[in-house]
PDB file of N, CA and C in Angstrom:
ATOM      1  N   MET A   1      46.928 -73.906  -4.560  1.00  0.00           N
ATOM      2  CA  MET A   1      47.421 -74.997  -5.378  1.00  0.00           C
ATOM      3  C   MET A   1      46.782 -75.023  -6.773  1.00  0.00           C
ATOM      4  N   PRO A   2      45.468 -74.933  -6.910  1.00  0.00           N
ATOM      5  CA  PRO A   2      44.864 -75.072  -8.232  1.00  0.00           C
ATOM      6  C   PRO A   2      45.437 -74.185  -9.335  1.00  0.00           C
ATOM      7  N   PRO A   3      45.630 -72.859  -9.125  1.00  0.00           N
ATOM      8  CA  PRO A   3      46.067 -72.074 -10.272  1.00  0.00           C
ATOM      9  C   PRO A   3      47.488 -72.376 -10.755  1.00  0.00           C
ATOM     10  N   ASN A   4      48.376 -72.772  -9.863  1.00  0.00           N
ATOM     11  CA  ASN A   4      49.789 -72.910 -10.230  1.00  0.00           C
ATOM     12  C   ASN A   4      50.247 -74.342 -10.440  1.00  0.00           C
ATOM     13  N   HIS A   5      49.395 -75.292 -10.188  1.00  0.00           N
ATOM     14  CA  HIS A   5      49.782 -76.696 -10.276  1.00  0.00           C
ATOM     15  C   HIS A   5      48.796 -77.453 -11.164  1.00  0.00           C
ATOM     16  N   PRO A   6      49.273 -78.479 -11.845  1.00  0.00           N
ATOM     17  CA  PRO A   6      48.334 -79.288 -12.628  1.00  0.00           C
ATOM     18  C   PRO A   6      47.412 -80.083 -11.704  1.00  0.00           C
ATOM     19  N   ASN A   7      46.214 -80.318 -12.168  1.00  0.00           N
ATOM     20  CA  ASN A   7      45.242 -81.068 -11.388  1.00  0.00           C
ATOM     21  C   ASN A   7      45.700 -82.521 -11.274  1.00  0.00           C
ATOM     22  N   PRO A   8      45.991 -83.010 -10.063  1.00  0.00           N
ATOM     23  CA  PRO A   8      46.471 -84.385  -9.906  1.00  0.00           C
ATOM     24  C   PRO A   8      45.417 -85.432 -10.249  1.00  0.00           C
ATOM     25  N   HIS A   9      44.152 -85.027 -10.314  1.00  0.00           N
ATOM     26  CA  HIS A   9      43.100 -85.958 -10.723  1.00  0.00           C
ATOM     27  C   HIS A   9      43.232 -86.311 -12.208  1.00  0.00           C
ATOM     28  N   ASN A  10      43.934 -85.452 -12.953  1.00  0.00           N
ATOM     29  CA  ASN A  10      44.101 -85.661 -14.392  1.00  0.00           C
ATOM     30  C   ASN A  10      45.467 -86.243 -14.753  1.00  0.00           C
ATOM     31  N   THR A  11      46.273 -86.524 -13.757  1.00  0.00           N
ATOM     32  CA  THR A  11      47.615 -87.039 -14.003  1.00  0.00           C
ATOM     33  C   THR A  11      47.551 -88.497 -14.440  1.00  0.00           C
ATOM     34  N   GLU A  12      48.290 -88.803 -15.499  1.00  0.00           N
ATOM     35  CA  GLU A  12      48.321 -90.179 -15.989  1.00  0.00           C
ATOM     36  C   GLU A  12      49.371 -90.983 -15.237  1.00  0.00           C
ATOM     37  N   TRP A  13      49.056 -92.216 -15.023  1.00  0.00           N
ATOM     38  CA  TRP A  13      49.949 -93.138 -14.343  1.00  0.00           C
ATOM     39  C   TRP A  13      51.172 -93.376 -15.230  1.00  0.00           C
ATOM     40  N   PRO A  14      52.369 -93.103 -14.715  1.00  0.00           N
ATOM     41  CA  PRO A  14      53.576 -93.335 -15.513  1.00  0.00           C
ATOM     42  C   PRO A  14      53.840 -94.826 -15.715  1.00  0.00           C
ATOM     43  N   ASN A  15      54.541 -95.125 -16.777  1.00  0.00           N
ATOM     44  CA  ASN A  15      54.965 -96.497 -17.023  1.00  0.00           C
ATOM     45  C   ASN A  15      56.353 -96.656 -16.416  1.00  0.00           C
ATOM     46  N   PHE A  16      56.410 -97.264 -15.248  1.00  0.00           N
ATOM     47  CA  PHE A  16      57.665 -97.365 -14.505  1.00  0.00           C
ATOM     48  C   PHE A  16      58.605 -98.436 -15.047  1.00  0.00           C
ATOM     49  N   THR A  17      58.202 -99.097 -16.126  1.00  0.00           N
ATOM     50  CA  THR A  17      59.082-100.096 -16.739  1.00  0.00           C
ATOM     51  C   THR A  17      59.922 -99.496 -17.865  1.00  0.00           C
ATOM     52  N   THR A  18      59.699 -98.214 -18.177  1.00  0.00           N
ATOM     53  CA  THR A  18      60.423 -97.580 -19.281  1.00  0.00           C
ATOM     54  C   THR A  18      61.827 -97.157 -18.856  1.00  0.00           C
ATOM     55  N   ASP A  19      62.638 -96.835 -19.859  1.00  0.00           N
ATOM     56  CA  ASP A  19      64.014 -96.387 -19.612  1.00  0.00           C
ATOM     57  C   ASP A  19      64.054 -95.134 -18.734  1.00  0.00           C
ATOM     58  N   GLU A  20      63.031 -94.313 -18.827  1.00  0.00           N
ATOM     59  CA  GLU A  20      62.974 -93.073 -18.039  1.00  0.00           C
ATOM     60  C   GLU A  20      63.114 -93.349 -16.541  1.00  0.00           C
ATOM     61  N   TYR A  21      62.636 -94.506 -16.091  1.00  0.00           N
ATOM     62  CA  TYR A  21      62.653 -94.844 -14.667  1.00  0.00           C
ATOM     63  C   TYR A  21      63.720 -95.879 -14.310  1.00  0.00           C
ATOM     64  N   GLU A  22      64.620 -96.145 -15.233  1.00  0.00           N
ATOM     65  CA  GLU A  22      65.644 -97.160 -14.975  1.00  0.00           C
ATOM     66  C   GLU A  22      66.497 -96.808 -13.762  1.00  0.00           C
ATOM     67  N   ASP A  23      66.925 -95.563 -13.654  1.00  0.00           N
ATOM     68  CA  ASP A  23      67.759 -95.167 -12.510  1.00  0.00           C
ATOM     69  C   ASP A  23      67.013 -95.362 -11.190  1.00  0.00           C
ATOM     70  N   ALA A  24      65.753 -95.045 -11.175  1.00  0.00           N
ATOM     71  CA  ALA A  24      64.960 -95.224  -9.952  1.00  0.00           C
ATOM     72  C   ALA A  24      64.846 -96.704  -9.607  1.00  0.00           C
ATOM     73  N   ARG A  25      64.651 -97.538 -10.628  1.00  0.00           N
ATOM     74  CA  ARG A  25      64.577 -98.984 -10.365  1.00  0.00           C
ATOM     75  C   ARG A  25      65.904 -99.504  -9.818  1.00  0.00           C
ATOM     76  N   ILE A  26      67.019 -98.996 -10.346  1.00  0.00           N
ATOM     77  CA  ILE A  26      68.351 -99.412  -9.874  1.00  0.00           C
ATOM     78  C   ILE A  26      68.543 -99.021  -8.412  1.00  0.00           C
ATOM     79  N   VAL A  27      68.088 -97.827  -8.047  1.00  0.00           N
ATOM     80  CA  VAL A  27      68.185 -97.391  -6.647  1.00  0.00           C
ATOM     81  C   VAL A  27      67.404 -98.348  -5.750  1.00  0.00           C
ATOM     82  N   LEU A  28      66.207 -98.724  -6.166  1.00  0.00           N
ATOM     83  CA  LEU A  28      65.406 -99.650  -5.358  1.00  0.00           C
ATOM     84  C   LEU A  28      66.075-101.014  -5.241  1.00  0.00           C
ATOM     85  N   ILE A  29      66.662-101.476  -6.326  1.00  0.00           N
ATOM     86  CA  ILE A  29      67.388-102.755  -6.275  1.00  0.00           C
ATOM     87  C   ILE A  29      68.515-102.659  -5.250  1.00  0.00           C
ATOM     88  N   GLY A  30      69.181-101.508  -5.223  1.00  0.00           N
ATOM     89  CA  GLY A  30      70.269-101.285  -4.263  1.00  0.00           C
ATOM     90  C   GLY A  30      69.799-101.301  -2.822  1.00  0.00           C
ATOM     91  N   THR A  31      68.517-101.063  -2.603  1.00  0.00           N
ATOM     92  CA  THR A  31      67.989-101.078  -1.225  1.00  0.00           C
ATOM     93  C   THR A  31      67.391-102.432  -0.860  1.00  0.00           C
ATOM     94  N   GLY A  32      67.469-103.384  -1.786  1.00  0.00           N
ATOM     95  CA  GLY A  32      66.994-104.720  -1.478  1.00  0.00           C
ATOM     96  C   GLY A  32      65.689-105.108  -2.131  1.00  0.00           C
ATOM     97  N   VAL A  33      65.098-104.220  -2.919  1.00  0.00           N
ATOM     98  CA  VAL A  33      63.860-104.557  -3.621  1.00  0.00           C
ATOM     99  C   VAL A  33      64.225-105.464  -4.801  1.00  0.00           C
ATOM    100  N   LEU A  34      63.497-106.535  -4.962  1.00  0.00           N
ATOM    101  CA  LEU A  34      63.752-107.445  -6.078  1.00  0.00           C
ATOM    102  C   LEU A  34      63.515-106.732  -7.400  1.00  0.00           C
ATOM    103  N   ALA A  35      64.330-107.042  -8.397  1.00  0.00           N
ATOM    104  CA  ALA A  35      64.250-106.379  -9.701  1.00  0.00           C
ATOM    105  C   ALA A  35      62.839-106.452 -10.281  1.00  0.00           C
ATOM    106  N   ASP A  36      62.185-107.597 -10.140  1.00  0.00           N
ATOM    107  CA  ASP A  36      60.835-107.757 -10.685  1.00  0.00           C
ATOM    108  C   ASP A  36      59.801-106.906  -9.951  1.00  0.00           C
ATOM    109  N   ALA A  37      60.117-106.445  -8.775  1.00  0.00           N
ATOM    110  CA  ALA A  37      59.159-105.687  -7.958  1.00  0.00           C
ATOM    111  C   ALA A  37      59.395-104.179  -8.010  1.00  0.00           C
ATOM    112  N   THR A  38      60.436-103.729  -8.707  1.00  0.00           N
ATOM    113  CA  THR A  38      60.769-102.301  -8.668  1.00  0.00           C
ATOM    114  C   THR A  38      59.693-101.424  -9.299  1.00  0.00           C
ATOM    115  N   ALA A  39      59.174-101.827 -10.465  1.00  0.00           N
ATOM    116  CA  ALA A  39      58.137-101.017 -11.111  1.00  0.00           C
ATOM    117  C   ALA A  39      56.898-100.950 -10.224  1.00  0.00           C
ATOM    118  N   SER A  40      56.556-102.053  -9.596  1.00  0.00           N
ATOM    119  CA  SER A  40      55.406-102.078  -8.687  1.00  0.00           C
ATOM    120  C   SER A  40      55.652-101.168  -7.482  1.00  0.00           C
ATOM    121  N   ALA A  41      56.870-101.196  -6.951  1.00  0.00           N
ATOM    122  CA  ALA A  41      57.201-100.338  -5.807  1.00  0.00           C
ATOM    123  C   ALA A  41      57.098 -98.867  -6.198  1.00  0.00           C
ATOM    124  N   LEU A  42      57.619 -98.528  -7.382  1.00  0.00           N
ATOM    125  CA  LEU A  42      57.521 -97.141  -7.851  1.00  0.00           C
ATOM    126  C   LEU A  42      56.058 -96.744  -8.049  1.00  0.00           C
ATOM    127  N   ALA A  43      55.259 -97.657  -8.553  1.00  0.00           N
ATOM    128  CA  ALA A  43      53.836 -97.368  -8.749  1.00  0.00           C
ATOM    129  C   ALA A  43      53.142 -97.124  -7.415  1.00  0.00           C
ATOM    130  N   GLN A  44      53.494 -97.892  -6.418  1.00  0.00           N
ATOM    131  CA  GLN A  44      52.889 -97.700  -5.095  1.00  0.00           C
ATOM    132  C   GLN A  44      53.280 -96.341  -4.511  1.00  0.00           C
ATOM    133  N   ILE A  45      54.539 -95.984  -4.674  1.00  0.00           N
ATOM    134  CA  ILE A  45      54.998 -94.679  -4.186  1.00  0.00           C
ATOM    135  C   ILE A  45      54.278 -93.563  -4.941  1.00  0.00           C
ATOM    136  N   TRP A  46      54.206 -93.711  -6.267  1.00  0.00           N
ATOM    137  CA  TRP A  46      53.537 -92.698  -7.082  1.00  0.00           C
ATOM    138  C   TRP A  46      52.074 -92.565  -6.665  1.00  0.00           C
ATOM    139  N   THR A  47      51.403 -93.695  -6.465  1.00  0.00           N
ATOM    140  CA  THR A  47      49.993 -93.683  -6.072  1.00  0.00           C
ATOM    141  C   THR A  47      49.811 -92.995  -4.720  1.00  0.00           C
ATOM    142  N   PHE A  48      50.668 -93.313  -3.772  1.00  0.00           N
ATOM    143  CA  PHE A  48      50.603 -92.673  -2.453  1.00  0.00           C
ATOM    144  C   PHE A  48      50.730 -91.154  -2.599  1.00  0.00           C
ATOM    145  N   ASN A  49      51.739 -90.722  -3.353  1.00  0.00           N
ATOM    146  CA  ASN A  49      51.959 -89.283  -3.539  1.00  0.00           C
ATOM    147  C   ASN A  49      50.805 -88.630  -4.299  1.00  0.00           C
ATOM    148  N   ASN A  50      50.282 -89.322  -5.314  1.00  0.00           N
ATOM    149  CA  ASN A  50      49.182 -88.774  -6.089  1.00  0.00           C
ATOM    150  C   ASN A  50      47.921 -88.641  -5.247  1.00  0.00           C
ATOM    151  N   GLU A  51      47.646 -89.619  -4.396  1.00  0.00           N
ATOM    152  CA  GLU A  51      46.476 -89.527  -3.516  1.00  0.00           C
ATOM    153  C   GLU A  51      46.616 -88.354  -2.548  1.00  0.00           C
ATOM    154  N   ARG A  52      47.825 -88.164  -2.020  1.00  0.00           N
ATOM    155  CA  ARG A  52      48.077 -87.014  -1.147  1.00  0.00           C
ATOM    156  C   ARG A  52      47.865 -85.710  -1.914  1.00  0.00           C
ATOM    157  N   ASP A  53      48.397 -85.653  -3.143  1.00  0.00           N
ATOM    158  CA  ASP A  53      48.244 -84.449  -3.958  1.00  0.00           C
ATOM    159  C   ASP A  53      46.777 -84.181  -4.285  1.00  0.00           C
ATOM    160  N   LYS A  54      46.006 -85.225  -4.535  1.00  0.00           N
ATOM    161  CA  LYS A  54      44.576 -85.045  -4.807  1.00  0.00           C
ATOM    162  C   LYS A  54      43.853 -84.479  -3.589  1.00  0.00           C
ATOM    163  N   THR A  55      44.204 -84.989  -2.414  1.00  0.00           N
ATOM    164  CA  THR A  55      43.588 -84.490  -1.184  1.00  0.00           C
ATOM    165  C   THR A  55      43.924 -83.010  -0.987  1.00  0.00           C
ATOM    166  N   GLU A  56      45.180 -82.660  -1.190  1.00  0.00           N
ATOM    167  CA  GLU A  56      45.596 -81.263  -1.062  1.00  0.00           C
ATOM    168  C   GLU A  56      44.907 -80.399  -2.117  1.00  0.00           C
ATOM    169  N   TRP A  57      44.809 -80.906  -3.330  1.00  0.00           N
ATOM    170  CA  TRP A  57      44.143 -80.183  -4.423  1.00  0.00           C
ATOM    171  C   TRP A  57      42.679 -79.921  -4.059  1.00  0.00           C
ATOM    172  N   ASP A  58      41.994 -80.978  -3.617  1.00  0.00           N
ATOM    173  CA  ASP A  58      40.580 -80.839  -3.265  1.00  0.00           C
ATOM    174  C   ASP A  58      40.388 -79.841  -2.135  1.00  0.00           C
ATOM    175  N   ARG A  59      41.281 -79.877  -1.157  1.00  0.00           N
ATOM    176  CA  ARG A  59      41.199 -78.933  -0.041  1.00  0.00           C
ATOM    177  C   ARG A  59      41.415 -77.505  -0.553  1.00  0.00           C
ATOM    178  N   ALA A  60      42.386 -77.325  -1.434  1.00  0.00           N
ATOM    179  CA  ALA A  60      42.661 -75.988  -1.965  1.00  0.00           C
ATOM    180  C   ALA A  60      41.489 -75.476  -2.796  1.00  0.00           C
ATOM    181  N   VAL A  61      40.883 -76.355  -3.591  1.00  0.00           N
ATOM    182  CA  VAL A  61      39.720 -75.967  -4.393  1.00  0.00           C
ATOM    183  C   VAL A  61      38.571 -75.560  -3.476  1.00  0.00           C
ATOM    184  N   THR A  62      38.346 -76.336  -2.426  1.00  0.00           N
ATOM    185  CA  THR A  62      37.279 -76.029  -1.470  1.00  0.00           C
ATOM    186  C   THR A  62      37.562 -74.704  -0.764  1.00  0.00           C
ATOM    187  N   ASP A  63      38.801 -74.519  -0.321  1.00  0.00           N
ATOM    188  CA  ASP A  63      39.171 -73.272   0.357  1.00  0.00           C
ATOM    189  C   ASP A  63      38.981 -72.075  -0.570  1.00  0.00           C
ATOM    190  N   GLU A  64      39.379 -72.240  -1.815  1.00  0.00           N
ATOM    191  CA  GLU A  64      39.247 -71.159  -2.790  1.00  0.00           C
ATOM    192  C   GLU A  64      37.775 -70.827  -3.032  1.00  0.00           C
ATOM    193  N   ALA A  65      36.945 -71.861  -3.167  1.00  0.00           N
ATOM    194  CA  ALA A  65      35.515 -71.642  -3.375  1.00  0.00           C
ATOM    195  C   ALA A  65      34.884 -70.949  -2.172  1.00  0.00           C
ATOM    196  N   GLN A  66      35.284 -71.358  -0.971  1.00  0.00           N
ATOM    197  CA  GLN A  66      34.755 -70.723   0.239  1.00  0.00           C
ATOM    198  C   GLN A  66      35.200 -69.264   0.330  1.00  0.00           C
ATOM    199  N   ALA A  67      36.431 -68.996  -0.039  1.00  0.00           N
ATOM    200  CA  ALA A  67      36.931 -67.616  -0.010  1.00  0.00           C
ATOM    201  C   ALA A  67      36.186 -66.758  -1.027  1.00  0.00           C
ATOM    202  N   GLU A  68      35.935 -67.310  -2.212  1.00  0.00           N
ATOM    203  CA  GLU A  68      35.184 -66.571  -3.229  1.00  0.00           C
ATOM    204  C   GLU A  68      33.756 -66.297  -2.767  1.00  0.00           C
ATOM    205  N   GLU A  69      33.141 -67.283  -2.134  1.00  0.00           N
ATOM    206  CA  GLU A  69      31.776 -67.096  -1.624  1.00  0.00           C
ATOM    207  C   GLU A  69      31.758 -66.044  -0.516  1.00  0.00           C
ATOM    208  N   ALA A  70      32.738 -66.075   0.363  1.00  0.00           N
ATOM    209  CA  ALA A  70      32.821 -65.072   1.432  1.00  0.00           C
ATOM    210  C   ALA A  70      33.011 -63.679   0.834  1.00  0.00           C
ATOM    211  N   ALA A  71      33.815 -63.581  -0.204  1.00  0.00           N
ATOM    212  CA  ALA A  71      34.026 -62.289  -0.860  1.00  0.00           C
ATOM    213  C   ALA A  71      32.740 -61.801  -1.522  1.00  0.00           C
ATOM    214  N   ARG A  72      31.987 -62.724  -2.151  1.00  0.00           N
ATOM    215  CA  ARG A  72      30.701 -62.344  -2.758  1.00  0.00           C
ATOM    216  C   ARG A  72      29.730 -61.851  -1.690  1.00  0.00           C
ATOM    217  N   GLN A  73      29.683 -62.567  -0.567  1.00  0.00           N
ATOM    218  CA  GLN A  73      28.779 -62.166   0.508  1.00  0.00           C
ATOM    219  C   GLN A  73      29.171 -60.809   1.077  1.00  0.00           C
ATOM    220  N   LEU A  74      30.465 -60.582   1.235  1.00  0.00           N
ATOM    221  CA  LEU A  74      30.944 -59.297   1.744  1.00  0.00           C
ATOM    222  C   LEU A  74      30.605 -58.175   0.768  1.00  0.00           C
ATOM    223  N   ALA A  75      30.791 -58.425  -0.519  1.00  0.00           N
ATOM    224  CA  ALA A  75      30.462 -57.415  -1.525  1.00  0.00           C
ATOM    225  C   ALA A  75      28.965 -57.115  -1.508  1.00  0.00           C
ATOM    226  N   ALA A  76      28.145 -58.155  -1.397  1.00  0.00           N
ATOM    227  CA  ALA A  76      26.695 -57.949  -1.349  1.00  0.00           C
ATOM    228  C   ALA A  76      26.302 -57.167  -0.103  1.00  0.00           C
ATOM    229  N   ALA A  77      26.903 -57.489   1.028  1.00  0.00           N
ATOM    230  CA  ALA A  77      26.601 -56.769   2.272  1.00  0.00           C
ATOM    231  C   ALA A  77      27.043 -55.313   2.164  1.00  0.00           C
ATOM    232  N   SER A  78      28.201 -55.078   1.549  1.00  0.00           N
ATOM    233  CA  SER A  78      28.689 -53.708   1.365  1.00  0.00           C
ATOM    234  C   SER A  78      27.752 -52.921   0.461  1.00  0.00           C
ATOM    235  N   GLU A  79      27.298 -53.546  -0.612  1.00  0.00           N
ATOM    236  CA  GLU A  79      26.361 -52.877  -1.521  1.00  0.00           C
ATOM    237  C   GLU A  79      25.047 -52.564  -0.812  1.00  0.00           C
ATOM    238  N   GLU A  80      24.575 -53.495  -0.004  1.00  0.00           N
ATOM    239  CA  GLU A  80      23.329 -53.268   0.733  1.00  0.00           C
ATOM    240  C   GLU A  80      23.499 -52.131   1.740  1.00  0.00           C
ATOM    241  N   LEU A  81      24.621 -52.113   2.426  1.00  0.00           N
ATOM    242  CA  LEU A  81      24.884 -51.046   3.381  1.00  0.00           C
ATOM    243  C   LEU A  81      24.942 -49.696   2.679  1.00  0.00           C
ATOM    244  N   LEU A  82      25.604 -49.638   1.528  1.00  0.00           N
ATOM    245  CA  LEU A  82      25.688 -48.400   0.760  1.00  0.00           C
ATOM    246  C   LEU A  82      24.294 -47.963   0.309  1.00  0.00           C
ATOM    247  N   ARG A  83      23.480 -48.912  -0.138  1.00  0.00           N
ATOM    248  CA  ARG A  83      22.117 -48.604  -0.562  1.00  0.00           C
ATOM    249  C   ARG A  83      21.302 -48.041   0.600  1.00  0.00           C
ATOM    250  N   GLN A  84      21.462 -48.651   1.779  1.00  0.00           N
ATOM    251  CA  GLN A  84      20.739 -48.175   2.949  1.00  0.00           C
ATOM    252  C   GLN A  84      21.200 -46.781   3.359  1.00  0.00           C
ATOM    253  N   GLN A  85      22.496 -46.520   3.251  1.00  0.00           N
ATOM    254  CA  GLN A  85      23.016 -45.195   3.592  1.00  0.00           C
ATOM    255  C   GLN A  85      22.476 -44.143   2.621  1.00  0.00           C
ATOM    256  N   GLU A  86      22.457 -44.480   1.342  1.00  0.00           N
ATOM    257  CA  GLU A  86      21.928 -43.545   0.346  1.00  0.00           C
ATOM    258  C   GLU A  86      20.449 -43.277   0.596  1.00  0.00           C
ATOM    259  N   LEU A  87      19.701 -44.319   0.932  1.00  0.00           N
ATOM    260  CA  LEU A  87      18.284 -44.171   1.233  1.00  0.00           C
ATOM    261  C   LEU A  87      18.087 -43.295   2.471  1.00  0.00           C
ATOM    262  N   ALA A  88      18.904 -43.500   3.498  1.00  0.00           N
ATOM    263  CA  ALA A  88      18.801 -42.698   4.722  1.00  0.00           C
ATOM    264  C   ALA A  88      19.115 -41.234   4.421  1.00  0.00           C
ATOM    265  N   GLU A  89      20.111 -41.009   3.567  1.00  0.00           N
ATOM    266  CA  GLU A  89      20.452 -39.626   3.204  1.00  0.00           C
ATOM    267  C   GLU A  89      19.307 -38.969   2.440  1.00  0.00           C
ATOM    268  N   LYS A  90      18.685 -39.707   1.536  1.00  0.00           N
ATOM    269  CA  LYS A  90      17.546 -39.161   0.782  1.00  0.00           C
ATOM    270  C   LYS A  90      16.387 -38.849   1.725  1.00  0.00           C
ATOM    271  N   GLU A  91      16.140 -39.752   2.671  1.00  0.00           N
ATOM    272  CA  GLU A  91      15.054 -39.536   3.629  1.00  0.00           C
ATOM    273  C   GLU A  91      15.352 -38.322   4.504  1.00  0.00           C
ATOM    274  N   ALA A  92      16.619 -38.159   4.898  1.00  0.00           N
ATOM    275  CA  ALA A  92      16.996 -37.004   5.721  1.00  0.00           C
ATOM    276  C   ALA A  92      16.824 -35.719   4.928  1.00  0.00           C
ATOM    277  N   THR A  93      17.187 -35.744   3.665  1.00  0.00           N
ATOM    278  CA  THR A  93      17.030 -34.567   2.808  1.00  0.00           C
ATOM    279  C   THR A  93      15.554 -34.228   2.638  1.00  0.00           C
ATOM    280  N   LEU A  94      14.739 -35.242   2.402  1.00  0.00           N
ATOM    281  CA  LEU A  94      13.301 -35.006   2.276  1.00  0.00           C
ATOM    282  C   LEU A  94      12.707 -34.463   3.569  1.00  0.00           C
ATOM    283  N   ALA A  95      13.162 -34.976   4.703  1.00  0.00           N
ATOM    284  CA  ALA A  95      12.665 -34.507   5.989  1.00  0.00           C
ATOM    285  C   ALA A  95      13.038 -33.041   6.194  1.00  0.00           C
ATOM    286  N   GLU A  96      14.276 -32.665   5.816  1.00  0.00           N
ATOM    287  CA  GLU A  96      14.715 -31.267   5.928  1.00  0.00           C
ATOM    288  C   GLU A  96      13.860 -30.377   5.050  1.00  0.00           C
ATOM    289  N   GLU A  97      13.619 -30.806   3.822  1.00  0.00           N
ATOM    290  CA  GLU A  97      12.813 -30.015   2.894  1.00  0.00           C
ATOM    291  C   GLU A  97      11.375 -29.892   3.401  1.00  0.00           C
ATOM    292  N   HIS A  98      10.874 -30.965   4.006  1.00  0.00           N
ATOM    293  CA  HIS A  98       9.522 -30.948   4.544  1.00  0.00           C
ATOM    294  C   HIS A  98       9.408 -29.961   5.718  1.00  0.00           C
ATOM    295  N   LYS A  99      10.477 -29.845   6.535  1.00  0.00           N
ATOM    296  CA  LYS A  99      10.483 -28.917   7.657  1.00  0.00           C
ATOM    297  C   LYS A  99      10.415 -27.478   7.163  1.00  0.00           C
ATOM    298  N   LYS A 100      11.052 -27.220   6.011  1.00  0.00           N
ATOM    299  CA  LYS A 100      11.098 -25.863   5.480  1.00  0.00           C
ATOM    300  C   LYS A 100       9.733 -25.432   4.977  1.00  0.00           C
ATOM    301  N   LEU A 101       8.883 -26.362   4.661  1.00  0.00           N
ATOM    302  CA  LEU A 101       7.551 -26.017   4.144  1.00  0.00           C
ATOM    303  C   LEU A 101       6.655 -25.688   5.261  1.00  0.00           C
TER     304      LEU A 101
END
């Protein structure tokens, strides 16, 4: 979620009383919501959705951080294993050379 979506923690609360939301207010009136309560109803819906989006965002950020940490640990373990293998090869070579003497 984080790379492809805007951070919902930074989303500004829309003004549901503007013309942009008139159609949505009309739909709510059609369902029985009082005209004076439509902007409040839209705000409640927006808040519910935004809180859900924040939770999903936070989970995705945490998952991404954990995956990056796991990748760092795997890379470090791989480097250590390679270092140990190189050291073992050097020791084996030295042991062979020592036998020849």
